[in-house]
Amino acid sequence: MEPGEEFSLEGLDELDTQIILYQMGVESFSPYASSGKVDMVIRSENGDLVRYADIKVCSPHKTEVDVTWELEISFFMSNESFIILAIRLPDEEGSMQKHHFVISSTEFLSLTKKHKMEIKEDKWILSLPIEDMELIKKGVKAKYTNKISKALMPFFDNWDLLLDWRVSK
């Protein structure tokens, strides 16, 4: 980090995610440190089979009423890919706890079409009300203020999606 450069949590989100992936048995590396992109490599037990996927780790902009992620449209390539939306939410004691939405790119693209997600400057803008985030965190099937909040609920802290990818082929 350069002197005078503003501190950003985005690098921490990426590092935290790479640690989680490593603990899951996924080799990960990132030559794109400032972009939040993580390359994910899976090797078979004997090393003969290698699979590769891209992961985009996104940190949100947070206000008092909502959380907003901006996802670059150019990220979606022909490779298998996943989106991880990082978010810090307070627990009962008020401590900030790290949470993630883990979504495959095909599921995310389906959500963008179904919910007509806003596009601005070649980025999808995903905005969720904080009150919906609290309901999602609690696993409550209540009436959400935003339809996409309900659609994202199954992806909240769903690391099984990557574990399933790791063992499938």
Protein backbone atom coordinates (compact mmCIF):
# COMPACT_ATOMS: atom_id res chain seq x y z
CA MET A 1 0.00 0.00 0.00
CA GLU A 2 1.35 3.40 -0.97
CA PRO A 3 1.71 6.21 1.60
CA GLY A 4 -1.44 8.32 1.62
CA GLU A 5 -3.45 5.61 -0.15
CA GLU A 6 -6.88 5.03 1.39
CA PHE A 7 -7.21 1.73 3.26
CA SER A 8 -9.69 -0.67 1.71
CA LEU A 9 -11.24 -3.86 3.07
CA GLU A 10 -11.43 -5.42 -0.40
CA GLY A 11 -7.99 -7.03 -0.09
CA LEU A 12 -8.99 -8.51 3.26
CA ASP A 13 -12.14 -10.00 1.74
CA GLU A 14 -10.03 -11.69 -0.91
CA LEU A 15 -7.46 -12.95 1.59
CA ASP A 16 -10.16 -14.27 3.96
CA THR A 17 -11.80 -16.06 1.05
CA GLN A 18 -8.52 -17.64 -0.10
CA ILE A 19 -7.93 -18.95 3.43
CA ILE A 20 -11.42 -20.51 3.49
CA LEU A 21 -10.82 -22.07 0.06
CA TYR A 22 -7.44 -23.46 1.17
CA GLN A 23 -9.07 -25.00 4.27
CA MET A 24 -11.61 -26.64 1.94
CA GLY A 25 -8.77 -28.29 0.00
CA VAL A 26 -8.78 -25.89 -2.93
CA GLU A 27 -5.49 -24.55 -4.21
CA SER A 28 -5.96 -20.89 -4.92
CA PHE A 29 -3.73 -18.14 -6.17
CA SER A 30 -4.35 -14.62 -7.35
CA PRO A 31 -2.18 -12.72 -9.78
CA TYR A 32 -4.96 -10.11 -9.82
CA ALA A 33 -4.62 -8.92 -6.22
CA SER A 34 -6.17 -5.49 -6.73
CA SER A 35 -9.16 -6.79 -8.72
CA GLY A 36 -10.56 -9.25 -6.18
CA LYS A 37 -10.26 -12.10 -8.70
CA VAL A 38 -9.12 -15.46 -7.37
CA ASP A 39 -8.07 -18.36 -9.55
CA MET A 40 -9.13 -21.72 -8.13
CA VAL A 41 -7.37 -24.98 -8.94
CA ILE A 42 -8.50 -28.49 -7.98
CA ARG A 43 -6.18 -31.46 -8.34
CA SER A 44 -7.09 -35.14 -8.05
CA GLU A 45 -5.42 -37.28 -5.37
CA ASN A 46 -2.73 -38.52 -7.78
CA GLY A 47 -2.39 -35.16 -9.56
CA ASP A 48 -3.53 -36.46 -12.98
CA LEU A 49 -6.75 -34.44 -13.16
CA VAL A 50 -6.68 -30.68 -12.80
CA ARG A 51 -9.77 -28.45 -12.86
CA TYR A 52 -9.82 -24.68 -12.95
CA ALA A 53 -12.37 -22.00 -12.15
CA ASP A 54 -12.40 -18.25 -11.65
CA ILE A 55 -13.78 -16.68 -8.52
CA LYS A 56 -14.69 -13.03 -8.16
CA VAL A 57 -14.68 -11.78 -4.57
CA CYS A 58 -16.75 -8.62 -4.18
CA SER A 59 -16.82 -6.25 -1.25
CA PRO A 60 -19.92 -4.09 -0.81
CA HIS A 61 -20.53 -0.42 -0.32
CA LYS A 62 -22.60 -0.17 2.85
CA THR A 63 -24.89 2.63 3.99
CA GLU A 64 -27.26 2.78 6.95
CA VAL A 65 -30.11 1.36 4.85
CA ASP A 66 -28.57 -0.91 2.21
CA VAL A 67 -25.63 -2.94 0.98
CA THR A 68 -24.54 -2.61 -2.66
CA TRP A 69 -22.15 -4.74 -4.69
CA GLU A 70 -20.90 -3.76 -8.16
CA LEU A 71 -19.97 -6.71 -10.36
CA GLU A 72 -18.05 -6.19 -13.58
CA ILE A 73 -19.86 -7.74 -16.53
CA SER A 74 -16.50 -8.54 -18.18
CA PHE A 75 -15.73 -11.10 -15.43
CA PHE A 76 -18.03 -13.68 -17.00
CA MET A 77 -15.95 -15.73 -19.38
CA SER A 78 -16.17 -19.21 -20.84
CA ASN A 79 -14.39 -20.67 -17.78
CA GLU A 80 -16.34 -22.09 -14.89
CA SER A 81 -16.72 -19.23 -12.45
CA PHE A 82 -18.17 -18.27 -9.11
CA ILE A 83 -19.14 -15.01 -7.44
CA ILE A 84 -18.52 -14.55 -3.72
CA LEU A 85 -20.22 -11.53 -2.21
CA ALA A 86 -18.61 -10.74 1.13
CA ILE A 87 -20.51 -8.91 3.87
CA ARG A 88 -19.86 -8.12 7.53
CA LEU A 89 -22.96 -8.21 9.75
CA PRO A 90 -23.25 -7.68 13.51
CA ASP A 91 -23.98 -10.66 15.76
CA GLU A 92 -26.09 -10.47 18.94
CA GLU A 93 -23.22 -8.86 20.89
CA GLY A 94 -22.64 -6.30 18.13
CA SER A 95 -19.36 -7.80 16.87
CA MET A 96 -19.00 -7.73 13.10
CA GLN A 97 -18.98 -11.25 11.63
CA LYS A 98 -17.92 -12.17 8.11
CA HIS A 99 -20.52 -13.78 5.84
CA HIS A 100 -20.58 -14.66 2.13
CA PHE A 101 -23.03 -15.32 -0.66
CA VAL A 102 -21.48 -18.08 -2.80
CA ILE A 103 -23.07 -18.26 -6.26
CA SER A 104 -22.05 -19.96 -9.50
CA SER A 105 -21.87 -17.64 -12.49
CA THR A 106 -24.68 -19.47 -14.29
CA GLU A 107 -27.00 -19.07 -11.29
CA PHE A 108 -25.99 -15.43 -10.94
CA LEU A 109 -26.70 -14.73 -14.61
CA SER A 110 -30.10 -16.37 -14.20
CA LEU A 111 -30.81 -14.06 -11.23
CA THR A 112 -29.76 -10.97 -13.22
CA LYS A 113 -32.23 -11.83 -15.99
CA LYS A 114 -35.10 -12.84 -13.73
CA HIS A 115 -34.82 -9.77 -11.48
CA LYS A 116 -33.75 -7.33 -14.21
CA MET A 117 -30.71 -6.22 -12.23
CA GLU A 118 -29.58 -2.65 -12.87
CA ILE A 119 -26.54 -2.14 -15.13
CA LYS A 120 -24.42 0.98 -14.74
CA GLU A 121 -21.05 1.64 -16.44
CA ASP A 122 -20.62 -2.02 -17.49
CA LYS A 123 -21.37 -3.29 -13.98
CA TRP A 124 -24.35 -5.05 -12.46
CA ILE A 125 -25.55 -3.22 -9.38
CA LEU A 126 -26.90 -5.54 -6.69
CA SER A 127 -28.43 -3.69 -3.77
CA LEU A 128 -30.07 -5.30 -0.74
CA PRO A 129 -31.72 -3.56 2.21
CA ILE A 130 -29.93 -4.10 5.53
CA GLU A 131 -33.20 -5.27 7.11
CA ASP A 132 -33.35 -8.05 4.47
CA MET A 133 -29.72 -8.97 5.21
CA GLU A 134 -30.63 -9.44 8.88
CA LEU A 135 -33.53 -11.74 7.92
CA ILE A 136 -31.30 -13.74 5.57
CA LYS A 137 -28.65 -14.08 8.30
CA LYS A 138 -31.28 -15.44 10.72
CA GLY A 139 -32.64 -17.81 8.06
CA VAL A 140 -36.11 -16.35 8.46
CA LYS A 141 -38.56 -16.97 5.63
CA ALA A 142 -40.38 -13.70 6.05
CA LYS A 143 -41.61 -11.08 3.63
CA TYR A 144 -38.54 -9.38 2.21
CA THR A 145 -38.60 -5.80 1.00
CA ASN A 146 -36.67 -6.83 -2.13
CA LYS A 147 -37.49 -9.91 -4.30
CA ILE A 148 -33.84 -10.64 -5.04
CA SER A 149 -33.16 -10.94 -1.29
CA LYS A 150 -35.38 -14.02 -1.14
CA ALA A 151 -33.70 -15.43 -4.26
CA LEU A 152 -30.25 -15.00 -2.68
CA MET A 153 -31.15 -16.65 0.64
CA PRO A 154 -30.09 -20.20 -0.43
CA PHE A 155 -26.61 -18.90 -1.32
CA PHE A 156 -25.91 -17.29 2.07
CA ASP A 157 -22.79 -18.90 3.59
CA ASN A 158 -23.36 -21.84 1.22
CA TRP A 159 -19.78 -23.11 0.85
CA ASP A 160 -21.23 -26.52 -0.06
CA LEU A 161 -21.61 -25.18 -3.60
CA LEU A 162 -17.80 -25.06 -3.95
CA LEU A 163 -17.34 -28.36 -2.14
CA ASP A 164 -19.76 -29.99 -4.60
CA TRP A 165 -17.83 -28.45 -7.52
CA ARG A 166 -14.58 -29.74 -6.01
CA VAL A 167 -15.70 -33.38 -5.98
CA SER A 168 -17.83 -33.43 -9.14
CA LYS A 169 -16.66 -34.21 -12.66
